Protein backbone atom coordinates (compact mmCIF):
# COMPACT_ATOMS: atom_id res chain seq x y z
CA MET A 1 87.06 133.14 49.39
CA PHE A 2 90.66 134.36 50.32
CA TYR A 3 91.55 130.73 52.05
CA TYR A 4 90.94 129.16 48.91
CA LEU A 5 93.01 131.69 46.80
CA LEU A 6 95.93 130.96 49.37
CA LYS A 7 95.39 127.05 49.10
CA TYR A 8 95.08 126.69 45.30
CA VAL A 9 96.63 129.53 43.78
CA LEU A 10 99.14 131.49 46.10
CA LEU A 11 100.67 129.63 49.29
CA GLY A 12 99.35 126.00 48.39
CA PRO A 13 101.62 125.49 45.05
CA LEU A 14 104.77 127.09 46.53
CA LEU A 15 104.20 125.11 49.37
CA ARG A 16 103.99 121.95 47.39
CA LEU A 17 107.12 122.98 45.38
CA VAL A 18 109.20 123.89 48.07
CA PHE A 19 108.65 120.68 50.69
CA ARG A 20 107.45 118.21 48.23
CA PRO A 21 105.30 116.87 50.71
CA ARG A 22 104.37 113.13 50.75
CA ILE A 23 100.96 112.34 51.93
CA GLU A 24 100.18 109.36 53.85
CA GLY A 25 96.80 108.15 55.56
CA LEU A 26 94.60 111.31 53.67
CA GLU A 27 91.57 108.66 53.81
CA HIS A 28 91.71 108.62 57.92
CA VAL A 29 90.26 112.35 57.69
CA PRO A 30 86.53 112.37 57.77
CA ALA A 31 84.84 114.03 54.16
CA SER A 32 82.59 115.38 56.22
CA GLY A 33 81.13 116.39 60.02
CA PRO A 34 83.17 117.64 62.84
CA ALA A 35 86.34 116.16 63.92
CA ILE A 36 89.82 116.81 65.34
CA VAL A 37 93.33 116.64 63.98
CA ALA A 38 95.96 116.61 66.36
CA GLY A 39 99.22 116.95 65.18
CA ASN A 40 102.95 117.37 66.66
CA HIS A 41 104.39 120.86 66.38
CA LEU A 42 108.02 121.07 64.96
CA SER A 43 107.82 124.27 62.42
CA PHE A 44 106.02 127.20 61.62
CA SER A 45 105.85 125.81 58.34
CA ASP A 46 103.42 122.97 60.30
CA HIS A 47 100.48 125.90 60.15
CA PHE A 48 100.13 126.06 56.35
CA LEU A 49 101.49 122.61 54.89
CA MET A 50 98.33 120.70 56.71
CA PRO A 51 95.99 123.03 54.92
CA ALA A 52 97.64 122.84 51.70
CA ILE A 53 97.30 119.13 51.42
CA LEU A 54 93.89 118.70 53.14
CA LYS A 55 90.72 118.27 51.12
CA ARG A 56 88.84 120.14 53.43
CA ARG A 57 89.13 123.50 55.15
CA ILE A 58 90.46 123.13 58.63
CA THR A 59 90.61 126.39 61.47
CA PHE A 60 93.60 126.19 63.77
CA LEU A 61 94.11 127.57 67.11
CA ALA A 62 97.00 130.42 66.67
CA LYS A 63 98.79 131.94 69.36
CA ALA A 64 97.54 135.24 69.82
CA GLU A 65 100.91 136.89 69.07
CA TYR A 66 100.87 136.36 65.33
CA PHE A 67 97.88 139.29 65.41
CA THR A 68 99.47 141.50 67.69
CA GLY A 69 102.78 141.89 66.18
CA PRO A 70 104.06 145.84 65.57
CA GLY A 71 104.53 147.60 62.39
CA ILE A 72 103.60 146.61 59.04
CA LYS A 73 105.35 143.21 59.35
CA GLY A 74 102.59 142.65 62.52
CA ARG A 75 99.72 144.26 60.41
CA LEU A 76 100.42 141.71 57.24
CA THR A 77 100.99 138.74 59.48
CA ALA A 78 97.95 139.22 61.44
CA ALA A 79 95.64 139.94 58.11
CA PHE A 80 97.72 136.75 56.28
CA PHE A 81 96.22 134.54 59.56
CA ARG A 82 92.79 136.01 59.76
CA SER A 83 92.59 135.23 56.17
CA ALA A 84 93.52 131.74 56.72
CA GLY A 85 90.63 130.86 58.85
CA GLN A 86 93.05 130.78 61.68
CA ILE A 87 91.24 131.91 65.39
CA PRO A 88 93.76 134.00 67.91
CA VAL A 89 93.96 132.37 71.38
CA ASP A 90 96.04 134.19 74.48
CA ARG A 91 97.66 131.56 75.98
CA SER A 92 98.29 134.14 79.07
CA GLY A 93 96.47 134.10 82.13
CA LYS A 94 93.90 131.22 83.91
CA GLU A 95 91.18 131.62 81.59
CA ALA A 96 93.51 131.15 78.61
CA GLY A 97 92.81 127.45 78.55
CA GLN A 98 89.23 128.21 78.55
CA ALA A 99 88.85 130.67 76.02
CA ALA A 100 90.58 128.20 73.82
CA ILE A 101 88.23 125.60 74.83
CA ARG A 102 85.32 127.78 73.59
CA GLU A 103 86.90 128.70 70.43
CA GLY A 104 87.42 125.20 69.42
CA LEU A 105 84.20 123.98 70.49
CA GLY A 106 82.29 126.87 68.10
CA VAL A 107 84.05 125.75 65.38
CA LEU A 108 83.30 121.76 65.98
CA GLY A 109 79.87 123.01 66.45
CA LYS A 110 79.51 124.37 63.05
CA GLY A 111 80.45 120.77 61.57
CA GLU A 112 83.98 121.90 60.81
CA LEU A 113 87.97 120.26 61.18
CA LEU A 114 89.44 121.79 63.87
CA GLY A 115 93.21 121.49 63.91
CA ILE A 116 95.21 121.35 67.08
CA TYR A 117 98.46 120.87 68.58
CA PRO A 118 98.46 119.30 72.22
CA GLU A 119 101.69 119.84 72.73
CA GLY A 120 100.45 123.68 72.91
CA THR A 121 103.89 125.16 71.00
CA ARG A 122 106.51 124.08 68.85
CA SER A 123 109.24 121.34 70.03
CA HIS A 124 112.54 123.40 70.27
CA ASP A 125 114.74 120.14 69.54
CA GLY A 126 112.83 117.97 67.42
CA ARG A 127 111.27 115.77 70.24
CA LEU A 128 107.31 115.03 71.01
CA TYR A 129 106.21 116.74 74.25
CA LYS A 130 103.71 115.80 76.76
CA GLY A 131 100.23 116.90 75.82
CA LYS A 132 98.04 119.49 77.14
CA VAL A 133 94.26 117.98 77.95
CA GLY A 134 92.37 120.83 76.32
CA VAL A 135 92.33 118.62 73.42
CA ALA A 136 90.67 115.89 75.66
CA VAL A 137 88.18 118.18 76.64
CA MET A 138 86.82 119.20 73.12
CA ALA A 139 86.74 115.51 72.17
CA LEU A 140 84.64 114.37 75.17
CA LYS A 141 82.53 117.61 75.16
CA ALA A 142 82.11 117.61 70.88
CA ARG A 143 81.50 113.87 70.86
CA VAL A 144 84.06 113.91 67.85
CA PRO A 145 86.51 111.56 66.33
CA VAL A 146 90.33 112.85 66.76
CA VAL A 147 92.60 111.98 63.83
CA PRO A 148 95.99 111.76 64.85
CA CYS A 149 98.57 113.26 62.44
CA ALA A 150 102.54 113.16 62.06
CA MET A 151 104.49 115.99 60.26
CA ILE A 152 107.90 114.91 59.44
CA GLY A 153 110.91 116.74 58.22
CA THR A 154 109.41 119.81 58.90
CA PHE A 155 111.74 120.76 62.09
CA GLU A 156 114.73 120.00 59.50
CA ALA A 157 113.08 122.07 56.90
CA GLN A 158 112.67 125.02 59.16
CA PRO A 159 113.83 124.85 62.78
CA PRO A 160 113.01 127.88 65.23
CA GLY A 161 114.38 130.85 64.37
CA ARG A 162 115.25 130.02 60.80
CA VAL A 163 113.02 132.30 58.01
CA VAL A 164 113.42 130.69 55.04
CA PRO A 165 113.46 126.93 55.08
CA HIS A 166 115.43 124.66 53.28
CA ILE A 167 114.10 123.18 50.22
CA ARG A 168 114.01 119.36 51.27
CA PRO A 169 110.76 116.82 51.22
CA VAL A 170 108.82 116.08 54.24
CA ALA A 171 106.07 113.39 54.94
CA ILE A 172 102.72 114.49 56.17
CA ARG A 173 101.03 111.09 58.36
CA PHE A 174 97.48 110.72 59.38
CA GLY A 175 96.42 107.68 61.37
CA GLU A 176 93.21 106.19 62.04
CA PRO A 177 90.46 108.15 64.00
CA LEU A 178 90.35 107.41 67.49
CA ASP A 179 87.15 107.09 69.30
CA PHE A 180 86.21 108.44 72.61
CA SER A 181 82.68 107.79 73.15
CA ARG A 182 83.55 105.42 76.11
CA TYR A 183 84.37 108.19 78.03
CA ILE A 184 81.37 110.56 77.46
CA GLY A 185 79.88 112.59 80.38
CA MET A 186 83.53 112.27 82.12
CA GLU A 187 84.57 115.01 80.55
CA ASP A 188 85.57 116.66 84.40
CA GLU A 189 87.50 113.86 85.50
CA LYS A 190 91.21 114.96 85.53
CA ALA A 191 92.29 110.95 85.29
CA VAL A 192 89.81 110.60 82.14
CA LEU A 193 91.26 113.51 80.62
CA ARG A 194 95.00 112.75 81.05
CA ALA A 195 94.30 108.97 79.55
CA VAL A 196 92.61 110.52 76.89
CA THR A 197 95.22 112.99 75.90
CA ASP A 198 98.12 110.23 76.70
CA GLU A 199 96.17 108.16 74.10
CA ILE A 200 96.12 110.66 71.07
CA MET A 201 99.87 111.92 72.05
CA TYR A 202 101.12 108.14 71.76
CA ALA A 203 99.04 107.67 68.73
CA ILE A 204 101.14 110.62 67.00
CA LEU A 205 104.37 109.27 68.58
CA ALA A 206 103.60 105.87 66.56
CA LEU A 207 103.22 107.77 63.47
CA SER A 208 106.17 110.35 64.01
CA GLY A 209 108.45 108.14 65.51
CA GLN A 210 110.06 110.86 67.34
CA GLU A 211 111.59 110.72 71.02
CA TYR A 212 109.20 111.36 73.62
CA VAL A 213 109.61 113.43 76.69
CA ASP A 214 107.09 113.06 79.50
CA GLN A 215 107.48 117.19 80.01
CA TYR A 216 105.37 120.06 78.54
CA ALA A 217 107.21 121.75 76.28
CA ALA A 218 106.90 125.37 77.34
CA ASP A 219 108.36 124.03 80.73
CA ALA A 220 111.49 122.47 78.86
CA LYS A 221 111.68 125.77 77.05
CA ALA A 222 111.79 127.85 80.14
CA GLU A 223 114.67 125.43 81.60
CA GLN A 224 116.67 125.64 78.94
CA ALA A 225 116.48 129.15 78.74
CA ALA A 226 117.13 129.69 82.32
CA VAL A 227 120.52 127.32 81.67
CA GLN A 228 121.64 129.55 79.00
CA GLY A 229 121.06 132.93 80.77
CA ALA A 230 123.06 131.48 83.77
CA LYS A 231 126.14 130.47 81.29
CA GLU A 232 126.10 134.15 79.89
CA ARG A 233 125.95 135.78 83.42
CA ARG A 234 128.59 133.12 84.13
CA PHE A 235 130.72 133.75 80.88
CA PRO A 236 130.09 137.33 79.74
CA ARG A 237 131.07 137.84 75.91
CA ALA A 238 133.95 139.96 75.67
CA PRO A 239 133.10 143.72 74.12
CA LEU A 240 134.11 143.60 70.35
CA GLY A 241 137.37 145.64 69.55
C-alpha cells in the first residue's frame, strides 16, 4: 500500500516535477508476467525515477547499506526502502552474488518485474562499465526476457555526493526485450553467461550513448581511490591557521 502511496501521491509527482522525465519505449516493458529490466546506474535518483514512471510495480535489489545506516536517518532510510519494495542484498563475502540471485529469482518466480543494475554499483564518472553475470544467470534460470533501459541525464542532475538534485529534465529509454531462450540449460557455462551479459550491456549502451569501459565499476573506483590516496600522502594539505 505504501508503495503506491509513494508512487502516486508523495514521491512520484515530485520526481516528475523536478526531472520532467521524457519516456521512450515504455511499450517494450511487458504488461504482465515476469521480466528483468536491466539498466545503467548513474544516480541515487535512478532507484525512484524508473518505478515512478512504470505502470507495473518493479522490485530492485538494493545494497544492504541502505538498510543498516546508523541513527534516525539510517532508520528512516531503511524504512523507506522496505516500504518501496526494495530487497537488501549484502555485496560482501563469497555468498553475496548467490544471495542476490536467490532473491531475484524469488521475485521473478512470483511473476513480477525485477530491476537490476548489471554494473553492480553507480558509475562514478558517467561512463558505462562492464556488467556482472548475475543478470544472465537469472534470465536463463527463470527463462524470462530482459528489457534494456537507459537513464540519460541523471548523472548531471545528481552526481555522486550531491544530496539535492539539480532541477533539469532527464530521459528514460527502454529497448526491445532480449530473448535468450537459445541458451536455456546453459546457465552454468561461463562463456555463455559472459556472452549474454555483454549482449545486455551492448543494448544498454546503444540506448544511452555512453562511453563504454571494459572494466568493472568497483575496480575502477578502487583504482581511483588508490591514486587519490597516493596524491594526498605525497602532497598533504597544510594545516589551516
